[in-house]
């Protein structure tokens, strides 16, 4: 058929329809299913609507790492439970349609009060102490910028995790650039705590000069004994009280270390930290796009509203004008009717008056005409004597400029004169004027 469309055209139509008709972000309710977290820190799952055990609807959902860390941390701090399968959540989402991968939603936020769960389990002794002293989430007080562009790294320069982190950061497919400076430290052993705290002190001394925005503490994992330094109370207090947000990517799969708990944001691996930083760039770009979409939609809606108002006002003006014209037409007809009646009466009176006046005028005119006839005869005789032709015949002349008598116009040197005699027309040019 001639009007058949390609799949890509159909997908573009669907994408345009979603962008034009749906709000940029929408709150939806659904149950989490098939929840999984990628190594980069992103969360992938489905939001499902069920009727009993029957699935009525479902949609793919993505929660990017930059948003997932803050959303998951706030969710767990309120509910005492992590986000997992089977939970019914209230999520703020942006609908996304990809021409190849189809329909999905990007989760921007999850309301923890909607899914309030059990209180957190009893923490170990050191965690209790940090909590009582107000240190456990003290570092989380720092607001991180939407895009983190300058970081200090605490790691061993020879660690594989550090190399993975730098490679992930510098060779990202988006071309994002992050300034980074390494502060070398021991990452295991008896001297590790002193070395780590010394690196934090060094960063504190130069952070303003370098414009550092965050600290990244990374290593590539290891045995349980190798990671004991990250459960140290002194290191935890240094991290908690640090003047910049601290991100950890220690690379172990066991329960979180205390360093992870007191850090601003904990990620599992160095590459996850790198992806977390890069996802901030993507999140910023996406939010900027959403803001532009909201602005465009708000502008178009405002224009539509104003156009509707204009139509309403035009309709009101038209109705008012028609009503006013009808009223004025009725007034005009009434006035014309009164004028016609009054006019007839006046005409009758004036007709009688004119008849009388006519009789008197005829009598007066007859006498007046007789007198005027006599006057005309006298004036005719006088006019004959004043006739220009008669005067010219006596030897006088009449001089004009452009058909006007010279005594009624301004005379200038070079003007052309026309002089009339009884028998000739003489043209001449003024070459001298003498004032009398």
Protein backbone atom coordinates (compact mmCIF):
# COMPACT_ATOMS: atom_id res chain seq x y z
CA UNK A 1 0.00 0.00 0.00
CA UNK A 2 1.20 3.54 -0.76
CA UNK A 3 0.56 4.84 2.76
CA UNK A 4 2.44 2.02 4.51
CA UNK A 5 5.17 3.17 6.93
CA UNK A 6 8.48 1.68 7.89
CA UNK A 7 9.06 0.32 11.38
CA UNK A 8 11.43 3.21 12.17
CA UNK A 9 8.77 5.73 11.06
CA UNK A 10 6.18 4.01 13.23
CA UNK A 11 8.57 4.06 16.18
CA UNK A 12 9.26 7.76 15.62
CA UNK A 13 5.51 8.44 15.60
CA UNK A 14 5.14 6.51 18.87
CA UNK A 15 8.09 8.41 20.39
CA UNK A 16 6.67 11.78 19.29
CA UNK A 17 3.23 10.89 20.64
CA UNK A 18 4.70 9.95 24.04
CA UNK A 19 6.81 13.13 24.19
CA UNK A 20 3.87 15.36 23.22
CA UNK A 21 1.10 13.76 25.26
CA UNK A 22 2.73 12.49 28.46
CA UNK A 23 4.09 14.63 31.28
CA UNK A 24 7.92 14.52 31.53
CA UNK A 25 7.65 12.70 34.89
CA UNK A 26 4.76 10.65 36.29
CA UNK A 27 4.12 8.97 39.66
CA UNK A 28 3.10 5.31 39.27
CA UNK A 29 2.39 2.42 41.64
CA UNK A 30 3.67 -1.06 40.92
CA UNK A 31 5.32 -4.15 42.34
CA UNK A 32 9.05 -4.74 41.84
CA UNK A 33 9.91 -7.92 39.96
CA UNK A 34 13.08 -9.40 38.45
CA UNK A 35 15.23 -6.89 40.38
CA UNK A 36 18.93 -7.01 39.58
CA UNK A 37 21.86 -4.66 40.01
CA UNK A 38 24.50 -4.36 37.30
CA UNK A 39 28.22 -4.16 38.13
CA UNK A 40 28.19 -0.49 37.15
CA UNK A 41 25.69 0.25 39.91
CA UNK A 42 22.55 0.56 37.77
CA UNK A 43 19.38 -1.24 38.87
CA UNK A 44 17.16 -3.03 36.35
CA UNK A 45 13.74 -4.43 37.16
CA UNK A 46 10.11 -4.55 36.11
CA UNK A 47 7.16 -2.68 37.60
CA UNK A 48 4.19 -5.06 37.62
CA UNK A 49 0.47 -4.56 38.20
CA UNK A 50 -1.28 -7.67 39.50
CA UNK A 51 -4.84 -8.77 40.06
CA UNK A 52 -4.42 -11.55 42.59
CA UNK A 53 -1.71 -13.72 41.09
CA UNK A 54 -2.45 -12.60 37.54
CA UNK A 55 -0.19 -10.00 35.96
CA UNK A 56 -2.37 -7.28 34.44
CA UNK A 57 0.44 -5.09 33.13
CA UNK A 58 4.19 -4.69 33.37
CA UNK A 59 6.91 -2.40 32.09
CA UNK A 60 10.72 -2.43 32.08
CA UNK A 61 12.35 0.01 34.52
CA UNK A 62 15.87 1.42 34.89
CA UNK A 63 17.31 3.18 37.92
CA UNK A 64 20.67 4.68 36.99
CA UNK A 65 23.45 4.41 39.55
CA UNK A 66 23.73 8.15 40.26
CA UNK A 67 20.06 8.25 41.28
CA UNK A 68 19.95 4.68 42.63
CA UNK A 69 22.51 5.33 45.37
CA UNK A 70 20.64 8.27 46.87
CA UNK A 71 17.21 6.69 46.34
CA UNK A 72 18.26 3.34 47.84
CA UNK A 73 20.06 4.95 50.79
CA UNK A 74 17.07 7.12 51.67
CA UNK A 75 14.68 4.20 51.15
CA UNK A 76 16.69 1.95 53.47
CA UNK A 77 17.19 4.66 56.13
CA UNK A 78 13.41 5.17 56.31
CA UNK A 79 12.12 1.62 55.83
CA UNK A 80 15.00 -0.37 57.30
CA UNK A 81 15.01 -2.55 54.20
CA UNK A 82 16.71 -2.43 50.83
CA UNK A 83 14.78 -2.30 47.58
CA UNK A 84 13.95 -5.85 46.49
CA UNK A 85 11.51 -8.09 44.64
CA UNK A 86 7.89 -8.22 45.78
CA UNK A 87 7.83 -4.66 47.15
CA UNK A 88 4.97 -2.41 46.10
CA UNK A 89 6.40 1.06 45.51
CA UNK A 90 5.32 4.54 44.51
CA UNK A 91 7.86 5.63 41.87
CA UNK A 92 8.43 8.84 39.95
CA UNK A 93 9.30 7.85 36.38
CA UNK A 94 10.09 9.33 32.99
CA UNK A 95 8.70 7.34 30.07
CA UNK A 96 11.31 6.47 27.45
CA UNK A 97 10.75 4.85 24.05
CA UNK A 98 13.78 3.61 22.12
CA UNK A 99 13.33 2.79 18.42
CA UNK A 100 15.23 -0.49 18.90
CA UNK A 101 14.78 -1.50 22.55
CA UNK A 102 11.16 -0.38 22.88
CA UNK A 103 9.26 1.12 25.80
CA UNK A 104 10.79 1.50 29.27
CA UNK A 105 10.81 3.92 32.17
CA UNK A 106 13.67 5.67 33.94
CA UNK A 107 12.96 5.77 37.67
CA UNK A 108 13.80 9.17 39.16
CA UNK A 109 12.65 8.62 42.76
CA UNK A 110 10.89 6.14 45.05
CA UNK A 111 8.78 7.33 47.98
CA UNK A 112 10.03 5.32 50.98
CA UNK A 113 7.03 6.23 53.15
CA UNK A 114 4.84 4.27 50.73
CA UNK A 115 6.81 1.10 51.36
CA UNK A 116 7.75 1.60 54.98
CA UNK A 117 9.20 -1.66 56.22
CA UNK A 118 10.77 -3.10 59.32
CA UNK A 119 13.28 -1.17 61.32
CA UNK A 120 16.96 -1.81 60.66
CA UNK A 121 18.65 -4.62 62.47
CA UNK A 122 20.76 -4.03 65.54
CA UNK A 123 24.18 -2.79 64.53
CA UNK A 124 27.44 -4.02 65.91
CA UNK A 125 29.16 -2.28 68.78
CA UNK A 126 31.29 0.12 66.79
CA UNK A 127 28.35 1.13 64.61
CA UNK A 128 26.26 1.79 67.73
CA UNK A 129 29.02 4.03 69.06
CA UNK A 130 29.21 5.99 65.81
CA UNK A 131 25.46 6.32 65.77
CA UNK A 132 25.31 7.63 69.35
CA UNK A 133 27.99 10.17 68.50
CA UNK A 134 26.08 11.32 65.41
CA UNK A 135 28.83 10.22 63.05
CA UNK A 136 27.26 7.38 61.09
CA UNK A 137 25.67 9.58 58.39
CA UNK A 138 27.54 12.78 59.11
CA UNK A 139 29.46 12.73 55.84
CA UNK A 140 26.17 12.27 53.99
CA UNK A 141 25.25 15.81 55.01
CA UNK A 142 27.35 17.13 52.13
CA UNK A 143 25.41 18.03 49.03
CA UNK A 144 27.18 16.73 45.97
CA UNK A 145 27.05 18.82 42.79
CA UNK A 146 24.93 17.46 39.94
CA UNK A 147 28.15 16.86 38.00
CA UNK A 148 31.35 16.01 39.92
CA UNK A 149 34.30 17.22 37.83
CA UNK A 150 37.28 17.22 40.23
CA UNK A 151 38.12 14.33 42.59
CA UNK A 152 40.91 13.20 44.90
CA UNK A 153 41.66 9.46 44.82
CA UNK A 154 42.95 7.45 47.78
CA UNK A 155 44.36 4.15 46.54
CA UNK A 156 47.50 2.18 45.96
CA UNK A 157 49.00 3.31 42.63
CA UNK A 158 49.80 -0.31 41.77
CA UNK A 159 46.38 -1.70 42.61
CA UNK A 160 44.45 -3.29 39.77
CA UNK A 161 41.30 -1.59 41.02
CA UNK A 162 42.93 1.83 40.61
CA UNK A 163 43.87 1.00 37.02
CA UNK A 164 40.35 -0.21 36.30
CA UNK A 165 38.94 2.97 37.80
CA UNK A 166 41.17 5.28 35.71
CA UNK A 167 40.51 3.30 32.53
CA UNK A 168 36.75 3.43 33.09
CA UNK A 169 36.88 7.16 33.85
CA UNK A 170 39.11 8.29 31.01
CA UNK A 171 37.83 6.02 28.25
CA UNK A 172 34.10 6.51 28.71
CA UNK A 173 32.08 6.44 25.50
CA UNK A 174 30.48 9.81 26.22
CA UNK A 175 33.73 11.79 26.24
CA UNK A 176 33.15 13.14 29.77
CA UNK A 177 36.30 14.49 31.45
CA UNK A 178 36.94 14.34 35.21
CA UNK A 179 40.04 15.89 36.79
CA UNK A 180 41.63 13.44 39.26
CA UNK A 181 44.67 13.45 41.54
CA UNK A 182 46.02 10.37 43.33
CA UNK A 183 46.99 10.50 47.00
CA UNK A 184 48.82 7.17 47.44
CA UNK A 185 48.05 5.09 50.51
CA UNK A 186 48.47 1.62 51.92
CA UNK A 187 45.18 -0.22 51.58
CA UNK A 188 45.81 -3.20 53.92
CA UNK A 189 47.94 -4.22 56.88
CA UNK A 190 48.74 -2.70 60.26
CA UNK A 191 49.84 0.66 58.82
CA UNK A 192 46.87 1.04 56.51
CA UNK A 193 44.73 3.11 58.94
CA UNK A 194 47.52 5.63 59.57
CA UNK A 195 48.27 5.83 55.85
CA UNK A 196 44.61 6.32 54.93
CA UNK A 197 44.06 9.06 57.52
CA UNK A 198 47.28 10.77 56.40
CA UNK A 199 46.00 10.85 52.81
CA UNK A 200 42.76 12.41 54.04
CA UNK A 201 44.77 15.10 55.85
CA UNK A 202 46.79 15.81 52.69
CA UNK A 203 43.63 16.20 50.68
CA UNK A 204 42.19 18.54 53.31
CA UNK A 205 45.25 20.77 52.96
CA UNK A 206 45.04 21.19 49.16
CA UNK A 207 41.35 20.71 48.38
CA UNK A 208 40.58 24.43 48.06
CA UNK A 209 43.59 25.17 45.86
CA UNK A 210 42.75 22.26 43.54
CA UNK A 211 38.98 22.76 43.64
CA UNK A 212 38.39 19.18 44.78
CA UNK A 213 34.67 18.30 45.01
CA UNK A 214 34.77 14.73 46.36
CA UNK A 215 37.11 12.00 47.63
CA UNK A 216 37.14 8.49 46.14
CA UNK A 217 38.55 5.66 48.30
CA UNK A 218 39.08 2.54 46.17
CA UNK A 219 40.83 -0.81 46.10
CA UNK A 220 40.30 -4.05 44.21
CA UNK A 221 38.91 -6.29 46.95
CA UNK A 222 40.82 -8.91 48.93
CA UNK A 223 40.61 -11.39 51.76
CA UNK A 224 38.64 -10.64 54.93
CA UNK A 225 41.76 -9.99 57.01
CA UNK A 226 43.08 -7.60 54.38
CA UNK A 227 39.96 -5.42 54.77
CA UNK A 228 39.88 -5.11 58.56
CA UNK A 229 41.37 -1.58 58.37
CA UNK A 230 38.11 -0.33 56.86
CA UNK A 231 36.24 -1.30 60.05
CA UNK A 232 38.52 0.87 62.20
CA UNK A 233 36.79 3.46 64.41
CA UNK A 234 39.47 6.15 63.90
CA UNK A 235 39.28 5.89 60.11
CA UNK A 236 35.48 5.96 60.33
CA UNK A 237 35.53 9.19 62.36
CA UNK A 238 37.95 10.78 59.88
CA UNK A 239 35.66 9.88 56.98
CA UNK A 240 32.52 10.97 58.84
CA UNK A 241 33.99 14.36 59.76
CA UNK A 242 35.67 15.00 56.43
CA UNK A 243 34.74 18.32 54.79
CA UNK A 244 34.00 16.72 51.42
CA UNK A 245 31.75 13.81 50.41
CA UNK A 246 33.63 10.50 50.45
CA UNK A 247 32.77 7.69 48.02
CA UNK A 248 34.00 4.15 48.65
CA UNK A 249 34.59 1.37 46.14
CA UNK A 250 36.49 -1.20 48.17
CA UNK A 251 35.51 -4.08 45.94
CA UNK A 252 34.21 -6.72 48.38
CA UNK A 253 30.94 -8.59 48.25
CA UNK A 254 30.52 -9.19 51.99
CA UNK A 255 28.44 -6.95 54.29
CA UNK A 256 29.31 -3.30 54.15
CA UNK A 257 32.36 -2.19 56.08
CA UNK A 258 32.09 0.65 58.57
CA UNK A 259 33.99 2.84 56.12
CA UNK A 260 31.21 2.13 53.62
CA UNK A 261 28.55 3.02 56.20
CA UNK A 262 30.05 6.35 57.23
CA UNK A 263 30.96 7.33 53.66
CA UNK A 264 28.66 9.60 51.72
CA UNK A 265 28.07 6.89 49.09
CA UNK A 266 29.20 3.27 49.00
CA UNK A 267 29.74 1.38 45.75
CA UNK A 268 30.96 -2.18 45.38
CA UNK A 269 33.90 -1.79 43.02
CA UNK A 270 36.25 0.92 41.69
CA UNK A 271 34.66 0.69 38.25
CA UNK A 272 31.24 1.13 39.89
CA UNK A 273 32.52 4.37 41.44
CA UNK A 274 33.70 5.54 38.02
CA UNK A 275 30.34 4.64 36.50
CA UNK A 276 28.59 6.42 39.36
CA UNK A 277 30.51 9.63 38.61
CA UNK A 278 29.85 9.31 34.88
CA UNK A 279 26.16 8.61 35.46
CA UNK A 280 25.99 12.02 37.16
CA UNK A 281 26.88 13.56 33.80
CA UNK A 282 24.22 11.49 32.06
CA UNK A 283 21.66 12.29 34.75
CA UNK A 284 22.43 15.99 34.39
CA UNK A 285 22.01 15.81 30.61
CA UNK A 286 18.77 13.88 30.96
CA UNK A 287 17.38 16.32 33.55
CA UNK A 288 18.40 19.20 31.31
CA UNK A 289 16.52 17.56 28.46
CA UNK A 290 13.49 17.03 30.70
CA UNK A 291 13.65 20.66 31.81
CA UNK A 292 13.73 21.78 28.20
CA UNK A 293 10.80 19.49 27.44
CA UNK A 294 8.85 20.90 30.40
CA UNK A 295 9.64 24.44 29.25
CA UNK A 296 8.58 23.65 25.71
CA UNK A 297 5.37 21.99 26.89
CA UNK A 298 4.59 24.80 29.34
CA UNK A 299 5.18 27.37 26.61
CA UNK A 300 2.95 25.55 24.15
CA UNK A 301 0.28 25.12 26.84
CA UNK A 302 0.49 28.81 27.73
CA UNK A 303 0.15 29.77 24.08
CA UNK A 304 -2.82 27.43 23.73
CA UNK A 305 -4.46 28.89 26.86
CA UNK A 306 -3.92 32.44 25.63
CA UNK A 307 -5.29 31.51 22.20
CA UNK A 308 -8.39 30.09 23.89
CA UNK A 309 -8.77 33.30 25.89
CA UNK A 310 -8.45 35.34 22.69
CA UNK A 311 -11.18 33.23 21.03
CA UNK A 312 -13.41 33.66 24.07
CA UNK A 313 -12.87 37.42 24.15
CA UNK A 314 -13.48 37.64 20.38
CA UNK A 315 -16.73 35.69 20.81
CA UNK A 316 -17.78 37.97 23.68
CA UNK A 317 -16.91 41.10 21.69
CA UNK A 318 -18.83 39.80 18.67
CA UNK A 319 -21.89 38.95 20.79
CA UNK A 320 -21.74 42.30 22.59
CA UNK A 321 -21.33 44.16 19.28
CA UNK A 322 -24.26 42.36 17.69
CA UNK A 323 -26.44 43.06 20.73
CA UNK A 324 -25.36 46.70 20.79
CA UNK A 325 -25.97 47.12 17.06
CA UNK A 326 -29.42 45.59 17.39
CA UNK A 327 -30.26 47.93 20.27
CA UNK A 328 -28.96 50.97 18.38
CA UNK A 329 -30.90 49.89 15.27
CA UNK A 330 -34.11 49.75 17.33
CA UNK A 331 -33.35 53.20 18.74
CA UNK A 332 -32.66 54.51 15.23
CA UNK A 333 -35.93 53.09 13.87
CA UNK A 334 -37.84 54.65 16.75
CA UNK A 335 -36.13 57.99 16.19
CA UNK A 336 -36.80 57.83 12.44
CA UNK A 337 -40.49 57.12 13.10
CA UNK A 338 -40.73 60.14 15.40
CA UNK A 339 -38.89 62.27 12.85
CA UNK A 340 -41.27 61.20 10.06
CA UNK A 341 -44.35 62.12 12.12
CA UNK A 342 -42.83 65.37 13.31
CA UNK A 343 -41.59 66.12 9.79
CA UNK A 344 -45.09 65.74 8.33
CA UNK A 345 -46.48 68.20 10.85
CA UNK A 346 -43.70 70.66 10.30
CA UNK A 347 -44.01 70.37 6.51
CA UNK A 348 -47.74 71.10 6.68
CA UNK A 349 -47.11 74.18 8.78
CA UNK A 350 -44.27 75.28 6.57
CA UNK A 351 -46.38 74.67 3.46
CA UNK A 352 -49.02 77.05 4.72
CA UNK A 353 -46.36 79.55 5.71
CA UNK A 354 -44.72 79.28 2.31
CA UNK A 355 -48.00 79.83 0.48
CA UNK A 356 -48.52 83.07 2.37
CA UNK A 357 -44.89 84.03 1.92
CA UNK A 358 -45.15 83.27 -1.81
CA UNK A 359 -47.99 85.70 -2.29
CA UNK A 360 -46.17 88.43 -0.41
CA UNK A 361 -42.92 87.66 -2.27
CA UNK A 362 -44.58 87.87 -5.68
CA UNK A 363 -45.91 91.31 -4.89
CA UNK A 364 -42.58 92.42 -3.48
CA UNK A 365 -40.61 90.95 -6.35
CA UNK A 366 -42.62 92.71 -8.99
CA UNK A 367 -41.75 96.07 -7.44
CA UNK A 368 -38.18 94.98 -6.76
CA UNK A 369 -37.65 93.75 -10.31
CA UNK A 370 -38.87 97.02 -11.71
CA UNK A 371 -36.38 98.92 -9.58
CA UNK A 372 -33.58 96.49 -10.45
CA UNK A 373 -34.31 96.80 -14.13
CA UNK A 374 -33.80 100.49 -13.91
CA UNK A 375 -30.57 100.01 -11.92
CA UNK A 376 -29.27 97.44 -14.43
CA UNK A 377 -29.84 99.84 -17.27
CA UNK A 378 -27.79 102.43 -15.44
CA UNK A 379 -25.01 99.96 -14.58
CA UNK A 380 -24.96 98.58 -18.11
CA UNK A 381 -24.18 102.01 -19.39
CA UNK A 382 -21.43 102.35 -16.76
CA UNK A 383 -19.96 98.92 -17.49
CA UNK A 384 -19.76 99.65 -21.17
CA UNK A 385 -17.66 102.63 -20.29
CA UNK A 386 -15.41 100.40 -18.01
CA UNK A 387 -15.03 97.54 -20.55
CA UNK A 388 -11.27 96.63 -20.82
CA UNK A 389 -11.59 96.56 -24.58
CA UNK A 390 -12.82 100.10 -24.53
CA UNK A 391 -9.98 101.09 -22.19
CA UNK A 392 -7.42 99.31 -24.41
CA UNK A 393 -8.87 101.08 -27.44
CA UNK A 394 -7.98 104.32 -25.73
CA UNK A 395 -4.28 103.35 -25.84
CA UNK A 396 -3.93 101.65 -22.44
CA UNK A 397 -2.32 98.18 -21.94
CA UNK A 398 -2.80 95.21 -19.48
CA UNK A 399 0.31 93.33 -18.23
CA UNK A 400 0.24 89.82 -16.59
CA UNK A 401 2.61 87.19 -15.17
CA UNK A 402 1.39 83.60 -15.63
CA UNK A 403 -2.12 84.92 -16.25
CA UNK A 404 -2.18 87.06 -13.09
CA UNK A 405 -2.10 90.85 -12.98
CA UNK A 406 1.34 92.13 -12.02
CA UNK A 407 -0.08 94.09 -9.10
CA UNK A 408 -1.42 90.86 -7.49
CA UNK A 409 1.73 88.71 -7.69
CA UNK A 410 5.39 88.93 -6.69
CA UNK A 411 7.64 90.16 -9.49
CA UNK A 412 11.14 88.72 -9.88
CA UNK A 413 13.98 89.39 -12.28
CA UNK A 414 13.80 87.04 -15.23
CA UNK A 415 9.98 86.63 -15.05
CA UNK A 416 8.18 86.64 -18.39
CA UNK A 417 5.55 89.36 -18.89
CA UNK A 418 2.56 89.21 -21.25
CA UNK A 419 1.28 92.66 -22.27
CA UNK A 420 -2.13 93.03 -23.94
CA UNK A 421 -3.04 95.95 -26.24
CA UNK A 422 -6.23 96.34 -28.18
CA UNK A 423 -4.62 94.57 -31.15
CA UNK A 424 -1.48 92.73 -29.87
CA UNK A 425 0.00 90.38 -27.24
CA UNK A 426 3.56 91.28 -26.35
CA UNK A 427 5.90 88.89 -24.39
CA UNK A 428 8.91 90.38 -22.56
CA UNK A 429 11.41 89.48 -19.83
CA UNK A 430 12.10 91.57 -16.72
CA UNK A 431 15.70 92.72 -16.58
CA UNK A 432 15.34 95.53 -14.01
CA UNK A 433 12.94 96.45 -11.26
CA UNK A 434 12.90 99.93 -9.70
CA UNK A 435 10.87 100.54 -6.58
CA UNK A 436 8.82 103.76 -6.48
